Amino acid sequence: MVAPNPPDKMTNTDLHSWGHPDFSQSPWATTARDHGPEAAWRAALTHNPADGLAQVGGTWAVAWTPGDGRVLMAVDRFAARSLCWRLHDGGLRFAPRADALADRDTPVAAQALYDYLFFHAIPAPRTVFTGVQRLPAGHWLQFQQGRVDVQPYWVPRFDEHHRAPLTELKAEFMRLVQQGVARQLDGSLAACYLSGGTDSSTVAGMIRRVTGQGARAYSIGFEAQGYDEMAYARIAAKAFGADHHAYYVTPDDLVRSIPAVAAHFDQPFGNSSALPAYLCAQRAQQDGVSHLLAGDGGDELFGGNARYAKQRVFGWYQQVPGALRSGLLEPLLLNSPAGRLPGLRKAASYIEQAKVPMPARLNMYNLLLRLGTQDVLTPDFLAQIDSEAPSRLQDDVWRLPQTGSELNRTLAFDWRFTLADSDLPKVVMSAELAQVSVGFPLLDTDLLAFSLRLDPALKLRGLKLRWFFKEALRGFLPESILTKSKHGFGLPFGVWAVQHPALKALAHASLGSLARRGMVRPDFIEALLQHHVVAHPGYYGEMVWILMMLEQWLQQHAPDTSWH
């Protein structure tokens, strides 16, 4: 359901807020308790808004017109609650959704669609609509006398010198996770997503510890080799006495749900996990659940993604003496035929990647760049975009945190691009479509503060992902879940799109329609559908999905968009 557009001219007392702010650790805790969150917001924003906002926890967005000609707006540290804005007739309009601010004549921005193909989502501050912007995570906005100023009120500051006994850290961590779960329960049926991974299993276990009863747990499975983790979800459910509800998604489910999910997002969104997340929330809602807890954040706060170990391996190259690198290794492996020999090819590839600084090194596996922008996109479309804009945004985000650790800098980088711009909108928007609200206990403000002062060597110990997180939960989680490889709600779309007639027809029709818009080269789409995805459905299926969801969104939000 779209929140109503605030009027262009608002009264002096207008204050709009969304989500669930936590004032318990702020100077306005008593005000919030005795007079409600609106009074606490006014107090927090009155004198020094940036300082006040930094003391508010929870997941929220807020906008206030204090009556002196200003508008103040902000979103929480991870932008779990979104807030968009645009200038209009000398004033400022805002809404939680970008499409609520788009008029019938508001054009789709070509640059935003390029960003979508690059990131598989459109990162803040841009939105798909020309002139409509989104507040980035941890930022606030002040509008006064026709001018807009957007600044961060919170910047990640890591304390990399804090040390404490491991037993003490484990006890504090477990207490904070339990506190985070308790804060996110709203008194309704205690329920959670359960993928069978460490994060969702931890949330399910903590619900039982907090409430004394097993959670209602909802899992999605796939009858496709390499994609199903239902066995681990069942292990977690049994260990924590959960009332487990499992559903196996079928290709027919996708055919029915893809248009609705694409249309519900306020701009194109390419994270394929949105479909299973929606179907999971839909099952919960049908059982009377109104609020689900999700496990998002554990990987990004405590070093759980495989790329963290991979980038550490590349970082080791910088420890090789410079004379040896430039005088022997690089001339031998990169600038001579020796580097193409079978035994040395991997070494040459390693050096080629290790030489690229972060965060640009992360883009060496970017799907759009690997396929080739010139081969994917038409000249007319490319003439309207800046292909370097995504990299400049990445560089700006990379420089922002205060840290000397490349691992911590990479974690904070993912807080913006993985959490705020992709994973959290995926969960929030898909649940909203199913008429369910969501809480994120592993992003609790106190748990975040704990992660900021946790020794980075404990997050990634050697090449062992989130070593501390797993050690702290040893004895709480089943051992098989602690030692399993990471998976989540991955979707076997490419495999199904090749094998299932109706899903294949939907994909082909969507991409055929997109080809006629003059954005993506028709010859690329033909080769993608007729050859590439058939030969390698797991890899090329991702591009089919991204283009299909773009076209599905355009058909329902901007059907006349073209670049001819």
Foldseek 3Di string as FASTA:
>chain_A
DWDAWDDQDDDQWDKDKDFDKAQCQPPCNVVCVPPNPSRLQCVLCPPDVLVSLVRIWGFMKMWHRNNPQKIKIATAQLCLQKKKWFDDPLGIIMTSFQLNPDDPPFDFALQQVLCCLQQVFRFFQDARTPRMGIQFHQKMWMDHRSDIDIDHSDFQEFAQPDDDDLVVLLVVLLVLLLVLLVVQDDPPQAEAEFALAPQRLSSQQSVCVNVVAGHAYFYEAEPDPPAGDVVSSVQSCVLRVHNYDYDYDDLVLCLVCLLVLLQLHSHFGQDVLLSVLLVRLLVCVVVVAAEYEYRPDPCLLQFFDLVLLVLVVLQVVVVPDPCCVVVPVCCQQPVDCNVVDPVNVVVSVSPVLSVDDPPVSVCVVRLCVVVPVPQWWFPLSVVSYDSCVVVVVLVVLLPGHHDPDPSNSVSSSCSRSVRSGHDSCSNQSSSVSSNHHYGYSCVTPVNSVSSSHDNSCCSQVNNDHSNSSLVSCVVPGPPCSSPDDDHGNDDLQLVCLLPPVSNVVLLLVLVVLVCVQRTTPPVVSCCLSPPVSVVPSVSSVSVSSSSSSNSSNCVNSPVVHHRD
